[in-house]
Amino acid sequence: MMMPFADLVALDAELCDTLTLTLYLDGRSENPAWRTAWRRSLKQEEARLRRALEDAPHAVREAFARNIEALEEHLSHRRTGLEAPGWLGVVAEGRVRLDAPLRGVTPTIGAWRRGVALAPFLSAAEPGGGRAWVVVADSRAARIFHCDEDSVRRVDTVRTLTQHAAASASGRGATAHAAARGGIGRDAAERERRDARSRMLRELAHHVRALSPALPVFVGGTPQLLSEAIAAMAHEHVDNVIETPVLGARARVSEIAHAVRDGLTQLRRVGEQVLVEELLRRYGDDDLAAAGAAATGRALDERCVHTLVLSAPFIAVQPEVAEVFVRSALAQDARIEVVSGDAARLLEDSGGTGVLLRFSPFATASSDEGELALV
């Protein structure tokens, strides 16, 4: 499981007065011959940071050298790739404090500062990460699974039980229509099977409603049952239900995990697109939103931000500015969202960053200036 951002914030608080080396590495290597390319990236970031410290006091340069030496010794046993899309290392006072693989990609960024560099971590969130419920139903049973970043676990099974089967199981004997012959008996048996499926789906919907309501529910299985299962959940007011035809009635755990990752990635991308479009619409309407680095910085300074939105490219290109923005947002309990893909490209057209506001410092300034003009 990827380390929670809150744990990194806690480590930053511990090291807030200590000069600390933070290093994020891009761990991807499509070509096996390039699996140790991260070492070259490490050396390049080390050289960049050394150049930036050329005019720093001797004690600062010595502390940096001690931390670099500790990191290189720590990594010396790694002869191959990082085995993860990204990697984070934190070194302070000559000791490696954190060695963490990241499930999402992060650009290679090094920082030498008091405390930990936080902003790049937010761009390393795995697109398909998260938790969800999965329902796979056929005419005989519906299986309920819980999925997270590390596992797929069956939590319940709701079975179809006809009145005839129930009576047989309880030892009471067959129902009256079981002895019927011909078409009438077949019609009655079919009605009973339909009624049993409906009861099963109603019970399924009731079970799902009792689960964590905030998580999405992916529904697959027999194609003929999908719409009926989704309708039963809608009747029970189960929100965020996603039809998933790719999951067949006999879907294996690996297929379920893959479908959930794809589904969560799509949900995340759609959510990011909606967020950026709403931010830019409100910015255009002068309605409690702002876009661009200058306006974002001013809003953060005024402590009026509800949500800070950054594009992943903005963090990669301007990591120092992104770090200031993230820390300011944390200090005022604002939400922080990092977007990628189409949403990031849309936000990049407006400066790569923006905010949703609790109140507008720009409107206040305009009002004050108007009042002064009237005096």
Protein backbone atom coordinates (compact mmCIF):
# COMPACT_ATOMS: atom_id res chain seq x y z
CA MET A 1 0.00 0.00 0.00
CA MET A 2 1.26 3.45 -0.86
CA MET A 3 2.23 5.55 2.14
CA PRO A 4 -0.55 7.98 3.11
CA PHE A 5 0.16 11.65 2.50
CA ALA A 6 -0.63 12.31 6.17
CA ASP A 7 2.38 10.19 7.19
CA LEU A 8 4.66 12.29 4.98
CA VAL A 9 3.22 15.47 6.50
CA ALA A 10 3.95 14.05 9.95
CA LEU A 11 7.56 13.33 8.97
CA ASP A 12 7.84 16.87 7.61
CA ALA A 13 6.64 18.25 10.95
CA GLU A 14 9.33 16.21 12.71
CA LEU A 15 12.04 17.53 10.38
CA CYS A 16 10.74 21.09 9.98
CA ASP A 17 13.87 22.57 11.63
CA THR A 18 16.34 20.13 10.06
CA LEU A 19 18.10 20.48 6.72
CA THR A 20 16.74 17.52 4.78
CA LEU A 21 17.43 15.90 1.42
CA THR A 22 14.26 14.78 -0.37
CA LEU A 23 14.59 12.87 -3.62
CA TYR A 24 11.82 11.71 -5.93
CA LEU A 25 12.82 9.40 -8.78
CA ASP A 26 11.00 8.27 -11.90
CA GLY A 27 11.28 4.51 -11.67
CA ARG A 28 9.90 3.59 -15.08
CA SER A 29 12.06 1.59 -17.49
CA GLU A 30 10.37 0.10 -20.53
CA ASN A 31 13.68 -1.15 -21.89
CA PRO A 32 15.34 -3.76 -19.61
CA ALA A 33 18.71 -2.28 -20.55
CA TRP A 34 17.68 0.99 -18.92
CA ARG A 35 16.59 -0.47 -15.59
CA THR A 36 19.34 1.40 -13.77
CA ALA A 37 18.63 4.72 -15.50
CA TRP A 38 17.47 6.00 -12.11
CA ARG A 39 21.10 6.05 -10.99
CA ARG A 40 21.96 8.54 -13.72
CA SER A 41 18.95 10.66 -12.71
CA LEU A 42 20.14 10.54 -9.10
CA LYS A 43 23.59 11.79 -10.08
CA GLN A 44 22.12 14.57 -12.21
CA GLU A 45 19.93 15.81 -9.35
CA GLU A 46 22.86 15.58 -6.96
CA ALA A 47 24.98 17.71 -9.32
CA ARG A 48 22.17 20.25 -9.74
CA LEU A 49 21.73 20.63 -5.99
CA ARG A 50 25.50 20.96 -5.45
CA ARG A 51 25.64 23.80 -7.98
CA ALA A 52 22.80 25.55 -6.17
CA LEU A 53 24.81 25.33 -2.92
CA GLU A 54 28.07 26.75 -4.29
CA ASP A 55 27.63 30.00 -2.33
CA ALA A 56 26.10 28.37 0.77
CA PRO A 57 28.03 28.30 4.10
CA HIS A 58 30.56 25.52 4.53
CA ALA A 59 28.49 23.82 7.25
CA VAL A 60 25.47 23.61 4.94
CA ARG A 61 27.53 22.10 2.11
CA GLU A 62 29.06 19.60 4.54
CA ALA A 63 25.62 18.59 5.80
CA PHE A 64 24.44 18.08 2.22
CA ALA A 65 27.47 15.94 1.39
CA ARG A 66 26.91 13.80 4.49
CA ASN A 67 23.30 13.15 3.50
CA ILE A 68 24.19 12.34 -0.12
CA GLU A 69 26.82 9.88 1.09
CA ALA A 70 24.26 8.19 3.38
CA LEU A 71 21.76 7.91 0.53
CA GLU A 72 24.26 6.47 -1.93
CA GLU A 73 25.42 3.91 0.61
CA HIS A 74 21.80 2.96 1.30
CA LEU A 75 21.12 2.45 -2.40
CA SER A 76 24.40 0.77 -3.28
CA HIS A 77 22.95 -2.75 -2.95
CA ARG A 78 20.30 -2.10 -5.61
CA ARG A 79 21.66 -3.52 -8.84
CA THR A 80 18.48 -3.38 -10.90
CA GLY A 81 15.45 -1.12 -11.26
CA LEU A 82 13.42 0.48 -8.51
CA GLU A 83 10.57 -2.02 -9.12
CA ALA A 84 7.99 0.77 -8.91
CA PRO A 85 6.79 3.63 -11.13
CA GLY A 86 8.23 6.13 -8.65
CA TRP A 87 10.42 6.28 -5.56
CA LEU A 88 10.82 8.65 -2.61
CA GLY A 89 13.81 8.94 -0.31
CA VAL A 90 14.24 11.26 2.67
CA VAL A 91 17.63 11.73 4.37
CA ALA A 92 18.32 13.91 7.40
CA GLU A 93 21.35 14.25 9.69
CA GLY A 94 23.22 11.60 7.74
CA ARG A 95 20.48 8.97 8.15
CA VAL A 96 17.93 7.64 5.67
CA ARG A 97 14.54 8.36 7.20
CA LEU A 98 12.36 7.11 4.37
CA ASP A 99 12.73 4.64 1.49
CA ALA A 100 9.32 4.37 -0.16
CA PRO A 101 8.25 2.93 -3.54
CA LEU A 102 5.47 4.95 -5.15
CA ARG A 103 2.68 3.31 -7.14
CA GLY A 104 2.30 6.36 -9.36
CA VAL A 105 4.84 8.11 -11.55
CA THR A 106 6.65 11.13 -10.19
CA PRO A 107 9.16 13.29 -12.05
CA THR A 108 12.75 13.17 -10.84
CA ILE A 109 12.99 16.05 -8.37
CA GLY A 110 15.50 16.67 -5.59
CA ALA A 111 15.16 19.23 -2.79
CA TRP A 112 17.47 20.44 -0.03
CA ARG A 113 15.52 22.38 2.55
CA ARG A 114 14.27 22.33 6.10
CA GLY A 115 11.58 19.66 6.18
CA VAL A 116 10.37 17.34 3.44
CA ALA A 117 9.39 18.35 -0.10
CA LEU A 118 5.67 17.47 -0.18
CA ALA A 119 4.30 18.64 -3.53
CA PRO A 120 5.75 15.95 -5.85
CA PHE A 121 4.21 13.21 -3.68
CA LEU A 122 0.75 14.45 -4.64
CA SER A 123 1.45 13.91 -8.33
CA ALA A 124 2.41 10.28 -7.67
CA ALA A 125 -1.08 9.08 -6.77
CA GLU A 126 -1.88 5.88 -8.67
CA PRO A 127 -4.65 6.68 -11.19
CA GLY A 128 -6.49 3.40 -10.51
CA GLY A 129 -5.84 3.39 -6.79
CA GLY A 130 -8.56 3.41 -4.19
CA ARG A 131 -11.26 1.15 -2.82
CA ALA A 132 -14.48 -0.16 -4.32
CA TRP A 133 -17.18 -2.80 -4.03
CA VAL A 134 -17.77 -5.28 -6.82
CA VAL A 135 -20.90 -7.35 -7.42
CA VAL A 136 -20.82 -10.29 -9.83
CA ALA A 137 -24.26 -11.86 -10.30
CA ASP A 138 -25.75 -14.77 -12.21
CA SER A 139 -29.10 -16.55 -11.95
CA ARG A 140 -27.99 -18.63 -8.98
CA ALA A 141 -26.03 -16.22 -6.77
CA ALA A 142 -24.43 -12.81 -6.45
CA ARG A 143 -20.91 -12.50 -5.05
CA ILE A 144 -19.83 -9.30 -3.29
CA PHE A 145 -16.14 -8.36 -3.22
CA HIS A 146 -14.19 -5.59 -1.53
CA CYS A 147 -11.24 -4.24 -3.53
CA ASP A 148 -8.37 -2.02 -2.45
CA GLU A 149 -4.85 -1.34 -3.72
CA ASP A 150 -3.56 -4.66 -2.41
CA SER A 151 -6.28 -7.27 -2.60
CA VAL A 152 -9.66 -8.48 -3.81
CA ARG A 153 -11.63 -10.17 -1.04
CA ARG A 154 -15.04 -11.84 -1.18
CA VAL A 155 -17.16 -10.54 1.68
CA ASP A 156 -20.57 -12.11 1.04
CA THR A 157 -22.64 -14.29 -1.29
CA VAL A 158 -26.39 -13.88 -1.78
CA ARG A 159 -27.99 -17.00 -3.28
CA THR A 160 -31.14 -17.55 -5.27
CA LEU A 161 -33.48 -19.86 -3.39
CA THR A 162 -36.80 -20.98 -4.89
CA GLN A 163 -39.70 -21.88 -2.66
CA HIS A 164 -39.35 -25.49 -3.82
CA ALA A 165 -35.67 -25.58 -2.90
CA ALA A 166 -36.36 -23.91 0.41
CA ALA A 167 -39.06 -26.43 1.22
CA SER A 168 -36.79 -29.33 0.25
CA ALA A 169 -33.97 -27.94 2.34
CA SER A 170 -36.27 -27.63 5.37
CA GLY A 171 -37.65 -31.16 4.89
CA ARG A 172 -41.25 -30.05 4.25
CA GLY A 173 -41.43 -31.62 0.80
CA ALA A 174 -42.18 -30.14 -2.60
CA THR A 175 -44.54 -27.29 -3.33
CA ALA A 176 -47.91 -27.92 -4.93
CA HIS A 177 -46.86 -27.07 -8.49
CA ALA A 178 -43.90 -29.48 -8.41
CA ALA A 179 -46.21 -32.34 -9.27
CA ALA A 180 -47.80 -30.51 -12.16
CA ARG A 181 -47.20 -31.78 -15.65
CA GLY A 182 -46.81 -30.13 -19.04
CA GLY A 183 -46.81 -26.45 -19.90
CA ILE A 184 -48.64 -25.28 -16.78
CA GLY A 185 -45.98 -26.81 -14.54
CA ARG A 186 -43.16 -25.34 -16.60
CA ASP A 187 -44.77 -21.87 -16.51
CA ALA A 188 -45.18 -22.08 -12.75
CA ALA A 189 -41.57 -23.19 -12.32
CA GLU A 190 -40.35 -20.33 -14.50
CA ARG A 191 -42.38 -17.81 -12.50
CA GLU A 192 -40.90 -19.19 -9.31
CA ARG A 193 -37.38 -18.87 -10.70
CA ARG A 194 -38.05 -15.26 -11.72
CA ASP A 195 -39.49 -14.50 -8.29
CA ALA A 196 -36.47 -16.11 -6.64
CA ARG A 197 -34.07 -14.01 -8.74
CA SER A 198 -35.99 -10.87 -7.84
CA ARG A 199 -35.83 -11.75 -4.15
CA MET A 200 -32.10 -12.42 -4.48
CA LEU A 201 -31.49 -9.07 -6.17
CA ARG A 202 -33.53 -7.21 -3.56
CA GLU A 203 -31.53 -8.89 -0.79
CA LEU A 204 -28.33 -8.09 -2.67
CA ALA A 205 -29.27 -4.42 -2.93
CA HIS A 206 -30.07 -4.36 0.79
CA HIS A 207 -26.65 -5.86 1.58
CA VAL A 208 -24.83 -3.39 -0.66
CA ARG A 209 -26.68 -0.44 0.87
CA ALA A 210 -25.33 -1.47 4.29
CA LEU A 211 -21.73 -1.30 3.03
CA SER A 212 -19.53 1.82 2.97
CA PRO A 213 -21.79 4.18 1.01
CA ALA A 214 -19.03 6.47 -0.25
CA LEU A 215 -17.33 3.78 -2.34
CA PRO A 216 -18.27 3.07 -5.96
CA VAL A 217 -20.00 -0.21 -6.76
CA PHE A 218 -19.02 -2.03 -9.97
CA VAL A 219 -21.66 -4.49 -11.17
CA GLY A 220 -20.97 -7.34 -13.59
CA GLY A 221 -22.15 -10.86 -14.29
CA THR A 222 -24.79 -12.38 -16.55
CA PRO A 223 -25.71 -9.66 -19.10
CA GLN A 224 -29.46 -10.32 -18.74
CA LEU A 225 -29.25 -9.59 -15.00
CA LEU A 226 -27.18 -6.40 -15.09
CA SER A 227 -29.98 -3.92 -15.64
CA GLU A 228 -32.21 -5.69 -13.11
CA ALA A 229 -29.46 -5.71 -10.47
CA ILE A 230 -28.70 -2.02 -11.04
CA ALA A 231 -32.42 -1.17 -10.86
CA ALA A 232 -32.71 -3.03 -7.54
CA MET A 233 -29.80 -1.00 -6.13
CA ALA A 234 -31.29 2.24 -7.39
CA HIS A 235 -34.54 1.32 -5.61
CA GLU A 236 -32.50 0.94 -2.39
CA HIS A 237 -30.89 4.36 -3.03
CA VAL A 238 -27.40 2.92 -3.59
CA ASP A 239 -25.39 5.69 -5.25
CA ASN A 240 -22.38 5.54 -7.57
CA VAL A 241 -23.23 2.21 -9.23
CA ILE A 242 -21.22 1.50 -12.40
CA GLU A 243 -22.28 -1.11 -14.93
CA THR A 244 -19.24 -3.24 -15.82
CA PRO A 245 -20.09 -5.63 -18.67
CA VAL A 246 -16.46 -6.74 -18.98
CA LEU A 247 -16.91 -8.73 -15.78
CA GLY A 248 -18.55 -12.05 -16.65
CA ALA A 249 -20.42 -14.28 -14.23
CA ARG A 250 -17.29 -16.41 -13.72
CA ALA A 251 -14.82 -13.54 -13.42
CA ARG A 252 -11.59 -14.45 -11.65
CA VAL A 253 -9.99 -12.34 -8.93
CA SER A 254 -7.32 -11.05 -11.33
CA GLU A 255 -10.02 -9.96 -13.81
CA ILE A 256 -11.93 -8.21 -11.05
CA ALA A 257 -8.80 -6.37 -9.90
CA HIS A 258 -8.01 -5.27 -13.46
CA ALA A 259 -11.58 -4.08 -14.11
CA VAL A 260 -11.64 -2.10 -10.86
CA ARG A 261 -8.33 -0.40 -11.64
CA ASP A 262 -9.57 0.59 -15.07
CA GLY A 263 -12.89 1.74 -13.67
CA LEU A 264 -11.35 3.81 -10.88
CA THR A 265 -8.92 5.38 -13.35
CA GLN A 266 -11.81 6.41 -15.57
CA LEU A 267 -13.78 7.77 -12.62
CA ARG A 268 -10.74 9.76 -11.48
CA ARG A 269 -10.16 11.21 -14.95
CA VAL A 270 -13.82 12.20 -15.28
CA GLY A 271 -13.78 13.77 -11.82
CA GLU A 272 -10.64 15.75 -12.60
CA GLN A 273 -12.12 17.01 -15.85
CA VAL A 274 -15.31 18.11 -14.10
CA LEU A 275 -13.30 19.87 -11.37
CA VAL A 276 -11.14 21.85 -13.80
CA GLU A 277 -14.08 22.77 -16.04
CA GLU A 278 -16.02 24.01 -13.00
CA LEU A 279 -13.03 26.01 -11.75
CA LEU A 280 -12.50 27.69 -15.11
CA ARG A 281 -16.22 28.35 -15.58
CA ARG A 282 -16.43 30.02 -12.19
CA TYR A 283 -13.24 31.95 -12.87
CA GLY A 284 -14.70 33.22 -16.13
CA ASP A 285 -17.92 34.22 -14.33
CA ASP A 286 -15.96 35.92 -11.49
CA ASP A 287 -17.62 33.45 -9.11
CA LEU A 288 -15.30 32.42 -6.24
CA ALA A 289 -12.50 30.95 -8.34
CA ALA A 290 -9.16 32.04 -9.74
CA ALA A 291 -6.60 30.60 -12.15
CA GLY A 292 -2.93 31.21 -12.81
CA ALA A 293 0.04 31.29 -10.44
CA ALA A 294 -0.26 34.97 -9.49
CA ALA A 295 -3.97 34.84 -8.60
CA THR A 296 -3.51 31.49 -6.85
CA GLY A 297 -0.66 32.85 -4.74
CA ARG A 298 -2.67 35.92 -3.76
CA ALA A 299 -5.71 33.85 -2.76
CA LEU A 300 -3.52 31.55 -0.66
CA ASP A 301 -1.92 34.56 1.02
CA GLU A 302 -5.40 35.85 1.88
CA ARG A 303 -6.27 32.42 3.39
CA CYS A 304 -9.53 32.21 1.49
CA VAL A 305 -8.92 28.98 -0.47
CA HIS A 306 -11.34 26.05 -0.33
CA THR A 307 -9.55 23.87 -2.94
CA LEU A 308 -6.12 24.20 -4.52
CA VAL A 309 -5.82 22.55 -7.95
CA LEU A 310 -2.43 21.86 -9.52
CA SER A 311 -1.54 20.16 -12.78
CA ALA A 312 1.11 17.44 -12.62
CA PRO A 313 3.23 19.30 -15.23
CA PHE A 314 3.12 22.45 -13.07
CA ILE A 315 4.65 20.52 -10.15
CA ALA A 316 7.33 19.05 -12.42
CA VAL A 317 8.31 22.38 -13.99
CA GLN A 318 7.88 24.66 -10.96
CA PRO A 319 8.43 22.44 -7.91
CA GLU A 320 9.46 25.31 -5.61
CA VAL A 321 6.31 27.33 -6.37
CA ALA A 322 4.16 24.21 -6.07
CA GLU A 323 5.73 23.49 -2.67
CA VAL A 324 4.86 26.97 -1.40
CA PHE A 325 1.29 26.59 -2.66
CA VAL A 326 0.83 23.14 -1.10
CA ARG A 327 2.15 24.22 2.29
CA SER A 328 -0.03 27.33 2.29
CA ALA A 329 -3.09 25.21 1.41
CA LEU A 330 -2.32 22.76 4.23
CA ALA A 331 -1.96 25.65 6.69
CA GLN A 332 -5.54 26.77 5.96
CA ASP A 333 -7.05 23.26 5.78
CA ALA A 334 -7.78 23.56 2.08
CA ARG A 335 -8.29 20.54 -0.15
CA ILE A 336 -5.46 19.82 -2.60
CA GLU A 337 -6.13 18.17 -5.95
CA VAL A 338 -3.50 17.26 -8.55
CA VAL A 339 -4.84 16.57 -12.04
CA SER A 340 -3.27 14.89 -15.06
CA GLY A 341 -4.22 13.88 -18.60
CA ASP A 342 -6.84 15.98 -20.38
CA ALA A 343 -7.72 17.89 -17.21
CA ALA A 344 -4.07 18.91 -16.74
CA ARG A 345 -3.81 20.07 -20.35
CA LEU A 346 -6.94 22.18 -19.90
CA LEU A 347 -5.59 23.72 -16.70
CA GLU A 348 -2.18 24.34 -18.30
CA ASP A 349 -3.87 26.71 -20.74
CA SER A 350 -4.71 28.88 -17.71
CA GLY A 351 -1.36 28.68 -15.96
CA GLY A 352 -1.36 25.14 -14.56
CA THR A 353 -2.93 26.04 -11.22
CA GLY A 354 -6.12 27.47 -9.80
CA VAL A 355 -8.28 27.69 -6.69
CA LEU A 356 -11.86 27.44 -5.60
CA LEU A 357 -12.49 30.12 -2.97
CA ARG A 358 -14.40 30.41 0.29
CA PHE A 359 -14.66 34.13 -0.35
CA SER A 360 -13.07 36.43 -2.90
CA PRO A 361 -10.19 38.71 -1.89
CA PHE A 362 -10.38 40.26 -5.35
CA ALA A 363 -13.98 41.38 -4.89
CA THR A 364 -13.10 42.81 -1.47
CA ALA A 365 -10.23 44.81 -2.93
CA SER A 366 -12.41 46.18 -5.70
CA SER A 367 -15.11 47.16 -3.22
CA ASP A 368 -12.63 48.91 -0.94
CA GLU A 369 -11.16 50.83 -3.83
CA GLY A 370 -14.64 51.92 -4.91
CA GLU A 371 -15.53 53.10 -1.42
CA LEU A 372 -12.33 55.11 -1.21
CA ALA A 373 -13.09 56.74 -4.55
CA LEU A 374 -16.41 57.97 -3.22
CA VAL A 375 -14.96 59.61 -0.12
